Amino acid sequence: MVAFGAGAAVDDAKSDPIVEVAAGAAVDDARAQAADRANRAERTMDTSVSATSADSWVLPLHDYDIVPQHAVRSSLLPKGLDLGGLPEGTPFASVHQGIVVQAGWNGAFGNSITVDHGGGVKTVYAHASAVLVKVGQQVGAGEQIGLLGNSGYAYGTHLHLEVYVNDAVQNPMSWFSAKGIDFELEIEAQPAA
């Protein structure tokens, strides 16, 4: 028992200066990480767009999780890559320059965008909450073309990305890797939350 008014002189963990410094540092670090997350997508997208050239291939978005195909895929949709873990409305970009050949509702793909990059190469971006481009529009690598969503035959907010060469669907991981885009490396490079 401590007499009234004498408690201030009794040491405990609440008044331990080491604990106070550590707690203050943890709070400061948490605030810095929250501020960084709040504007990371905008900064990253700006960097991607400014750093591109006509022959660049870029990631469609950043800070994503790769959703395992076996967890979500049925036989209704061709193989592709599902990028999730981001809120609905997060912008995504074209991976390369090209011309929009499809933009809008597309059955099981919901709101989707198809970009023809020339040379028989097309990319499809499916399940968007909003389409930001029109058919016939020319887009650049890193240019925002839509917002993540859950439209069509979707199980949750994500971007379903497919790549076709001469109308044959490709394995997106290996195909993009040959273009210098490593989706898994991007995840490994993300700071821990």
Protein backbone atom coordinates (compact mmCIF):
# COMPACT_ATOMS: atom_id res chain seq x y z
CA MET A 1 0.00 0.00 0.00
CA VAL A 2 1.29 3.45 -0.91
CA ALA A 3 0.31 6.59 0.96
CA PHE A 4 -1.64 9.22 -0.99
CA GLY A 5 0.79 11.50 -2.83
CA ALA A 6 3.74 9.15 -2.37
CA GLY A 7 3.07 7.13 -5.52
CA ALA A 8 5.06 9.49 -7.71
CA ALA A 9 8.25 8.45 -5.95
CA VAL A 10 7.61 4.71 -6.44
CA ASP A 11 9.36 3.26 -9.50
CA ASP A 12 7.32 1.05 -11.82
CA ALA A 13 7.32 0.12 -15.51
CA LYS A 14 5.21 3.16 -16.38
CA SER A 15 7.89 5.55 -15.23
CA ASP A 16 10.92 3.54 -16.39
CA PRO A 17 12.79 5.90 -18.75
CA ILE A 18 13.96 3.03 -20.97
CA VAL A 19 10.39 1.83 -21.41
CA GLU A 20 9.21 5.39 -22.13
CA VAL A 21 11.90 5.91 -24.79
CA ALA A 22 11.17 2.55 -26.40
CA ALA A 23 7.43 3.22 -26.38
CA GLY A 24 7.94 6.68 -27.86
CA ALA A 25 10.16 5.27 -30.60
CA ALA A 26 7.60 2.57 -31.40
CA VAL A 27 4.82 5.17 -31.67
CA ASP A 28 6.98 7.39 -33.89
CA ASP A 29 7.84 4.40 -36.09
CA ALA A 30 4.18 3.36 -36.34
CA ARG A 31 3.18 6.92 -37.30
CA ALA A 32 5.91 7.07 -39.95
CA GLN A 33 4.83 3.72 -41.41
CA ALA A 34 1.19 4.79 -41.48
CA ALA A 35 2.07 8.04 -43.24
CA ASP A 36 4.21 6.13 -45.71
CA ARG A 37 1.39 3.67 -46.47
CA ALA A 38 -1.10 6.50 -46.87
CA ASN A 39 0.68 7.95 -49.88
CA ARG A 40 2.83 5.03 -51.11
CA ALA A 41 0.54 4.17 -54.03
CA GLU A 42 0.54 7.74 -55.30
CA ARG A 43 4.33 8.10 -54.98
CA THR A 44 4.97 4.72 -56.56
CA MET A 45 2.62 5.32 -59.46
CA ASP A 46 4.20 8.73 -60.09
CA THR A 47 7.67 7.16 -60.08
CA SER A 48 6.58 4.40 -62.44
CA VAL A 49 5.09 6.82 -64.94
CA SER A 50 8.00 9.27 -64.93
CA ALA A 51 10.59 6.50 -65.26
CA THR A 52 9.07 4.83 -68.32
CA SER A 53 10.03 4.95 -71.95
CA ALA A 54 8.20 3.73 -75.03
CA ASP A 55 9.62 0.20 -74.74
CA SER A 56 9.19 -0.14 -70.94
CA TRP A 57 7.23 -2.88 -69.24
CA VAL A 58 6.05 -1.99 -65.72
CA LEU A 59 4.02 -3.44 -62.87
CA PRO A 60 0.30 -2.62 -63.05
CA LEU A 61 0.24 -1.72 -59.34
CA HIS A 62 2.32 -2.01 -56.18
CA ASP A 63 1.98 -3.32 -52.61
CA TYR A 64 -0.18 -6.26 -53.70
CA ASP A 65 -0.40 -9.88 -52.62
CA ILE A 66 -0.42 -12.69 -55.17
CA VAL A 67 -3.58 -14.72 -54.63
CA PRO A 68 -2.98 -18.46 -55.21
CA GLN A 69 -4.80 -19.71 -58.31
CA HIS A 70 -5.98 -22.96 -56.70
CA ALA A 71 -7.76 -20.98 -53.99
CA VAL A 72 -9.99 -19.04 -56.35
CA ARG A 73 -9.93 -20.31 -59.90
CA SER A 74 -12.61 -22.35 -61.55
CA SER A 75 -12.64 -23.70 -65.07
CA LEU A 76 -14.67 -20.66 -66.20
CA LEU A 77 -11.68 -18.34 -66.47
CA PRO A 78 -8.38 -18.90 -68.29
CA LYS A 79 -5.16 -18.90 -66.32
CA GLY A 80 -3.95 -15.51 -65.22
CA LEU A 81 -2.47 -13.73 -62.26
CA ASP A 82 -4.58 -12.43 -59.38
CA LEU A 83 -3.20 -9.45 -57.46
CA GLY A 84 -5.09 -8.66 -54.26
CA GLY A 85 -4.66 -7.34 -50.76
CA LEU A 86 -5.49 -3.76 -51.72
CA PRO A 87 -8.70 -1.78 -51.19
CA GLU A 88 -11.36 -1.36 -53.83
CA GLY A 89 -10.69 1.76 -55.87
CA THR A 90 -6.89 1.39 -55.88
CA PRO A 91 -5.68 2.54 -59.33
CA PHE A 92 -3.92 0.13 -61.66
CA ALA A 93 -1.92 0.87 -64.79
CA SER A 94 -1.16 -0.52 -68.21
CA VAL A 95 1.97 -2.67 -68.15
CA HIS A 96 3.12 -1.35 -71.54
CA GLN A 97 2.14 1.17 -74.18
CA GLY A 98 -0.66 0.18 -76.50
CA ILE A 99 -4.16 0.83 -77.75
CA VAL A 100 -7.28 0.00 -75.73
CA VAL A 101 -9.33 -2.50 -77.76
CA GLN A 102 -11.92 -3.36 -75.10
CA ALA A 103 -13.14 -1.29 -72.15
CA GLY A 104 -16.27 -1.98 -70.14
CA TRP A 105 -18.45 -4.90 -69.13
CA ASN A 106 -17.08 -8.25 -70.30
CA GLY A 107 -19.15 -11.09 -68.82
CA ALA A 108 -17.32 -13.14 -66.18
CA PHE A 109 -14.46 -10.62 -66.23
CA GLY A 110 -16.86 -7.87 -65.13
CA ASN A 111 -15.53 -4.43 -65.95
CA SER A 112 -12.37 -5.14 -67.89
CA ILE A 113 -9.82 -3.53 -70.16
CA THR A 114 -7.86 -5.13 -72.98
CA VAL A 115 -4.78 -3.36 -74.31
CA ASP A 116 -3.20 -4.34 -77.63
CA HIS A 117 0.55 -3.78 -77.36
CA GLY A 118 1.33 -4.75 -80.96
CA GLY A 119 3.19 -7.77 -82.22
CA GLY A 120 0.26 -10.01 -81.29
CA VAL A 121 0.58 -9.18 -77.55
CA LYS A 122 -2.51 -8.20 -75.54
CA THR A 123 -3.08 -7.81 -71.81
CA VAL A 124 -6.42 -8.13 -70.05
CA TYR A 125 -7.20 -6.43 -66.72
CA ALA A 126 -10.39 -7.83 -65.15
CA HIS A 127 -12.84 -7.18 -62.28
CA ALA A 128 -12.37 -3.39 -62.17
CA SER A 129 -14.69 -1.19 -60.14
CA ALA A 130 -14.19 1.56 -62.73
CA VAL A 131 -12.75 1.75 -66.23
CA LEU A 132 -10.79 4.97 -66.83
CA VAL A 133 -10.10 4.56 -70.58
CA LYS A 134 -12.07 4.20 -73.83
CA VAL A 135 -11.75 1.91 -76.83
CA GLY A 136 -9.27 3.39 -79.30
CA GLN A 137 -7.39 5.35 -76.64
CA GLN A 138 -3.60 5.11 -76.72
CA VAL A 139 -2.06 4.45 -73.30
CA GLY A 140 1.50 4.48 -72.06
CA ALA A 141 3.35 2.12 -69.75
CA GLY A 142 2.36 3.01 -66.19
CA GLU A 143 -0.69 5.06 -67.22
CA GLN A 144 -3.71 4.53 -64.97
CA ILE A 145 -6.44 2.66 -66.81
CA GLY A 146 -8.79 1.42 -64.09
CA LEU A 147 -9.60 0.95 -60.42
CA LEU A 148 -9.49 -2.34 -58.51
CA GLY A 149 -12.83 -3.92 -57.92
CA ASN A 150 -14.94 -7.00 -57.50
CA SER A 151 -17.08 -7.00 -60.66
CA GLY A 152 -18.11 -10.01 -62.72
CA TYR A 153 -17.26 -13.50 -61.54
CA ALA A 154 -14.96 -12.39 -58.73
CA TYR A 155 -14.42 -13.60 -55.18
CA GLY A 156 -13.20 -10.30 -53.75
CA THR A 157 -11.38 -7.11 -54.67
CA HIS A 158 -8.41 -7.89 -56.89
CA LEU A 159 -6.90 -7.39 -60.34
CA HIS A 160 -6.99 -10.41 -62.61
CA LEU A 161 -4.24 -9.98 -65.21
CA GLU A 162 -3.82 -12.10 -68.33
CA VAL A 163 -1.39 -11.91 -71.23
CA TYR A 164 -2.04 -13.29 -74.70
CA VAL A 165 0.35 -13.76 -77.61
CA ASN A 166 -1.40 -14.36 -80.94
CA ASP A 167 -4.61 -15.06 -78.98
CA ALA A 168 -2.98 -17.84 -76.91
CA VAL A 169 -2.99 -17.29 -73.14
CA GLN A 170 0.49 -17.25 -71.59
CA ASN A 171 1.82 -18.07 -68.14
CA PRO A 172 1.99 -14.50 -66.79
CA MET A 173 4.78 -15.11 -64.27
CA SER A 174 7.26 -16.48 -66.80
CA TRP A 175 6.13 -14.25 -69.67
CA PHE A 176 6.49 -11.03 -67.66
CA SER A 177 9.74 -12.26 -66.14
CA ALA A 178 11.20 -12.36 -69.67
CA LYS A 179 10.22 -8.67 -69.94
CA GLY A 180 12.03 -7.84 -66.68
CA ILE A 181 8.96 -7.80 -64.44
CA ASP A 182 9.14 -10.05 -61.38
CA PHE A 183 5.86 -10.03 -59.45
CA GLU A 184 7.27 -12.12 -56.59
CA LEU A 185 10.37 -9.95 -56.20
CA GLU A 186 8.11 -6.91 -55.81
CA ILE A 187 6.41 -8.64 -52.87
CA GLU A 188 9.75 -9.54 -51.26
CA ALA A 189 10.87 -5.91 -51.58
CA GLN A 190 7.81 -4.58 -49.75
CA PRO A 191 8.51 -3.26 -46.25
CA ALA A 192 6.97 -5.26 -43.43
CA ALA A 193 3.73 -3.74 -42.19
